[in-house]
Amino acid sequence: AAWKVVLRETFDDATAAMTRCSGDLPRVGPLPKSSFFQSGCPVYTTWEHGPQLSLVWKEDGSYDWSEVDGYLRKLAALDPDARIQCKFFFDAPGWWAKKHPSHMVHVRQADGTTKPTRQVSFASKPFWAEAEKAARDLVRYCSRHPEGWRFVGVLYSSGFCEWFPHWGAGYSDYSPVFRA
């Protein structure tokens, strides 16, 4: 049997997305030669981080998904067949970081002291339990939304450069929770 390659890449590369998009969703300019769009499956990706946990997670434990509502409604107006893959950046709201300073990544300084950052430690069980609840709430929200059928996936990210990397030399986590 002969096989046909429909997509040569999983998703459009960032250069093609930047050429095609103004801000986050509107398509502008020519389509890449190999893409979901050319194959008849218009999958848009939220720009940069998309919704950020730090912006949607309220101190009362609720979540504000109005940004996702905006993405879904904008897609409906732009392209009747459009789908969305939503990037979701797990970062801590300022109020959470203030309550849990030992759960924020601490980097070692030249003098041997440590300094907290705005990044949550991968060792923070309370934060990641809350992040999981938020992720589940996002999916529930989209499944109930009138345009929620457009939501086809979510890319979760976090960390120093959003890809869950190893911190590297000089950037190791010295937070109390990580050391414990």
Protein backbone atom coordinates (compact mmCIF):
# COMPACT_ATOMS: atom_id res chain seq x y z
CA ALA A 1 0.00 0.00 0.00
CA ALA A 2 1.20 3.50 -0.81
CA TRP A 3 1.42 5.94 2.07
CA LYS A 4 0.71 9.63 1.70
CA VAL A 5 2.24 12.21 4.02
CA VAL A 6 -0.51 14.65 4.93
CA LEU A 7 1.46 16.65 7.48
CA ARG A 8 5.23 16.79 7.54
CA GLU A 9 5.24 18.52 10.90
CA THR A 10 3.21 18.26 14.06
CA PHE A 11 2.42 21.96 14.22
CA ASP A 12 3.49 24.99 12.25
CA ASP A 13 6.84 26.33 13.31
CA ALA A 14 7.01 29.60 15.19
CA THR A 15 8.22 31.54 12.13
CA ALA A 16 5.21 30.47 10.09
CA ALA A 17 2.89 31.27 12.98
CA MET A 18 4.38 34.74 13.36
CA THR A 19 4.04 35.36 9.61
CA ARG A 20 0.44 34.17 9.65
CA CYS A 21 -0.70 35.80 12.88
CA SER A 22 -1.08 39.32 14.08
CA GLY A 23 -1.22 39.17 17.88
CA ASP A 24 -2.60 35.72 18.51
CA LEU A 25 -5.33 34.48 16.19
CA PRO A 26 -6.06 36.40 12.97
CA ARG A 27 -4.56 34.74 9.91
CA VAL A 28 -2.60 37.16 7.71
CA GLY A 29 -0.43 36.33 4.74
CA PRO A 30 0.23 33.09 2.87
CA LEU A 31 -0.04 29.68 4.48
CA PRO A 32 3.06 27.52 4.97
CA LYS A 33 3.47 24.75 2.39
CA SER A 34 3.06 22.02 4.99
CA SER A 35 0.61 22.78 7.76
CA PHE A 36 -2.67 21.83 9.34
CA PHE A 37 -4.24 24.74 7.42
CA GLN A 38 -3.13 23.39 4.02
CA SER A 39 -4.50 19.98 4.99
CA GLY A 40 -7.93 21.42 5.71
CA CYS A 41 -7.64 21.37 9.50
CA PRO A 42 -7.24 24.95 10.72
CA VAL A 43 -5.64 24.62 14.14
CA TYR A 44 -4.70 27.90 15.79
CA THR A 45 -2.46 28.09 18.82
CA THR A 46 -2.81 30.73 21.51
CA TRP A 47 0.07 33.15 21.30
CA GLU A 48 2.99 32.88 23.72
CA HIS A 49 1.71 31.44 26.99
CA GLY A 50 -2.02 31.77 26.32
CA PRO A 51 -3.83 31.80 29.63
CA GLN A 52 -1.48 32.08 32.57
CA LEU A 53 -2.39 30.43 35.85
CA SER A 54 -1.15 33.52 37.68
CA LEU A 55 -3.79 35.61 35.91
CA VAL A 56 -6.77 33.24 36.05
CA TRP A 57 -6.38 31.73 39.55
CA LYS A 58 -8.12 33.91 42.10
CA GLU A 59 -7.33 33.93 45.80
CA ASP A 60 -10.80 32.55 46.61
CA GLY A 61 -9.91 29.38 44.68
CA SER A 62 -11.94 30.23 41.57
CA TYR A 63 -10.66 30.69 38.01
CA ASP A 64 -11.43 33.42 35.49
CA TRP A 65 -11.50 31.90 31.99
CA SER A 66 -12.65 35.08 30.21
CA GLU A 67 -9.44 35.10 28.14
CA VAL A 68 -10.25 31.60 26.86
CA ASP A 69 -13.82 32.72 26.17
CA GLY A 70 -12.36 35.56 24.10
CA TYR A 71 -10.13 33.19 22.12
CA LEU A 72 -13.02 30.83 21.36
CA ARG A 73 -15.37 33.64 20.29
CA LYS A 74 -12.68 35.30 18.17
CA LEU A 75 -12.07 32.00 16.39
CA ALA A 76 -15.77 31.57 15.70
CA ALA A 77 -15.88 35.02 14.07
CA LEU A 78 -12.68 34.50 12.04
CA ASP A 79 -12.98 30.99 10.71
CA PRO A 80 -16.06 28.74 10.91
CA ASP A 81 -13.91 25.58 10.88
CA ALA A 82 -11.19 26.78 13.24
CA ARG A 83 -9.90 24.75 16.17
CA ILE A 84 -7.61 25.89 18.96
CA GLN A 85 -4.72 24.36 20.84
CA CYS A 86 -4.42 26.36 24.01
CA LYS A 87 -1.03 26.94 25.61
CA PHE A 88 -1.42 27.16 29.37
CA PHE A 89 1.48 28.53 31.42
CA PHE A 90 1.67 27.34 35.02
CA ASP A 91 3.03 30.24 37.01
CA ALA A 92 2.15 31.31 40.53
CA PRO A 93 -0.02 34.31 41.27
CA GLY A 94 1.72 36.90 43.42
CA TRP A 95 -0.61 36.17 46.34
CA TRP A 96 0.34 32.46 46.24
CA ALA A 97 4.08 33.18 46.03
CA LYS A 98 3.85 35.48 49.07
CA LYS A 99 2.11 32.74 51.08
CA HIS A 100 4.60 30.05 50.00
CA PRO A 101 8.06 31.63 49.59
CA SER A 102 9.82 28.33 50.32
CA HIS A 103 8.08 26.81 47.27
CA MET A 104 9.59 29.28 44.83
CA VAL A 105 12.85 28.37 43.06
CA HIS A 106 15.87 29.78 44.88
CA VAL A 107 19.05 30.30 42.85
CA ARG A 108 22.52 30.35 44.41
CA GLN A 109 24.38 33.65 44.27
CA ALA A 110 28.16 34.08 43.84
CA ASP A 111 28.52 34.69 47.58
CA GLY A 112 26.80 31.37 48.40
CA THR A 113 23.47 32.85 49.47
CA THR A 114 20.27 31.95 47.68
CA LYS A 115 17.72 34.28 46.14
CA PRO A 116 14.08 33.40 45.38
CA THR A 117 12.77 33.79 41.84
CA ARG A 118 9.24 34.10 40.42
CA GLN A 119 9.36 30.45 39.30
CA VAL A 120 7.59 27.72 41.25
CA SER A 121 9.75 24.79 42.31
CA PHE A 122 8.99 21.51 40.59
CA ALA A 123 9.08 20.04 44.11
CA SER A 124 6.08 22.08 45.29
CA LYS A 125 3.37 19.48 45.82
CA PRO A 126 0.71 22.03 46.90
CA PHE A 127 1.27 24.18 43.80
CA TRP A 128 1.19 21.31 41.33
CA ALA A 129 -1.94 19.89 42.97
CA GLU A 130 -3.61 23.28 42.43
CA ALA A 131 -2.25 23.49 38.89
CA GLU A 132 -3.82 20.12 38.12
CA LYS A 133 -7.17 21.36 39.47
CA ALA A 134 -6.89 24.45 37.27
CA ALA A 135 -6.08 22.35 34.19
CA ARG A 136 -9.10 20.14 34.80
CA ASP A 137 -11.28 23.21 35.34
CA LEU A 138 -10.05 24.68 32.03
CA VAL A 139 -11.02 21.53 30.14
CA ARG A 140 -14.44 21.44 31.88
CA TYR A 141 -14.98 25.11 31.03
CA CYS A 142 -14.20 24.49 27.37
CA SER A 143 -16.39 21.38 27.18
CA ARG A 144 -19.36 23.44 28.41
CA HIS A 145 -18.66 26.54 26.28
CA PRO A 146 -20.86 27.04 23.17
CA GLU A 147 -17.69 27.20 21.05
CA GLY A 148 -15.90 24.58 23.14
CA TRP A 149 -15.92 22.06 20.29
CA ARG A 150 -13.12 24.16 18.82
CA PHE A 151 -10.84 23.29 21.76
CA VAL A 152 -8.72 20.35 20.58
CA GLY A 153 -5.82 20.33 22.96
CA VAL A 154 -3.75 22.05 25.56
CA LEU A 155 0.00 22.46 25.86
CA TYR A 156 1.04 22.87 29.48
CA SER A 157 4.24 24.74 30.18
CA SER A 158 6.17 26.16 33.09
CA GLY A 159 9.65 26.73 34.38
CA PHE A 160 12.45 29.13 33.60
CA CYS A 161 11.86 29.22 29.85
CA GLU A 162 8.42 27.56 29.72
CA TRP A 163 9.60 24.12 28.54
CA PHE A 164 10.22 22.41 31.90
CA PRO A 165 13.99 22.48 31.35
CA HIS A 166 16.79 21.41 33.62
CA TRP A 167 17.89 24.57 35.40
CA GLY A 168 21.50 24.11 34.33
CA ALA A 169 24.73 25.23 35.98
CA GLY A 170 24.13 28.15 38.30
CA TYR A 171 20.37 27.83 38.00
CA SER A 172 19.71 24.80 40.15
CA ASP A 173 16.82 25.01 42.59
CA TYR A 174 17.97 25.60 46.15
CA SER A 175 14.51 26.26 47.57
CA PRO A 176 13.75 24.67 50.94
CA VAL A 177 11.02 22.51 49.42
CA PHE A 178 13.32 21.22 46.67
CA ARG A 179 16.18 20.54 49.05
CA ALA A 180 13.83 18.66 51.37
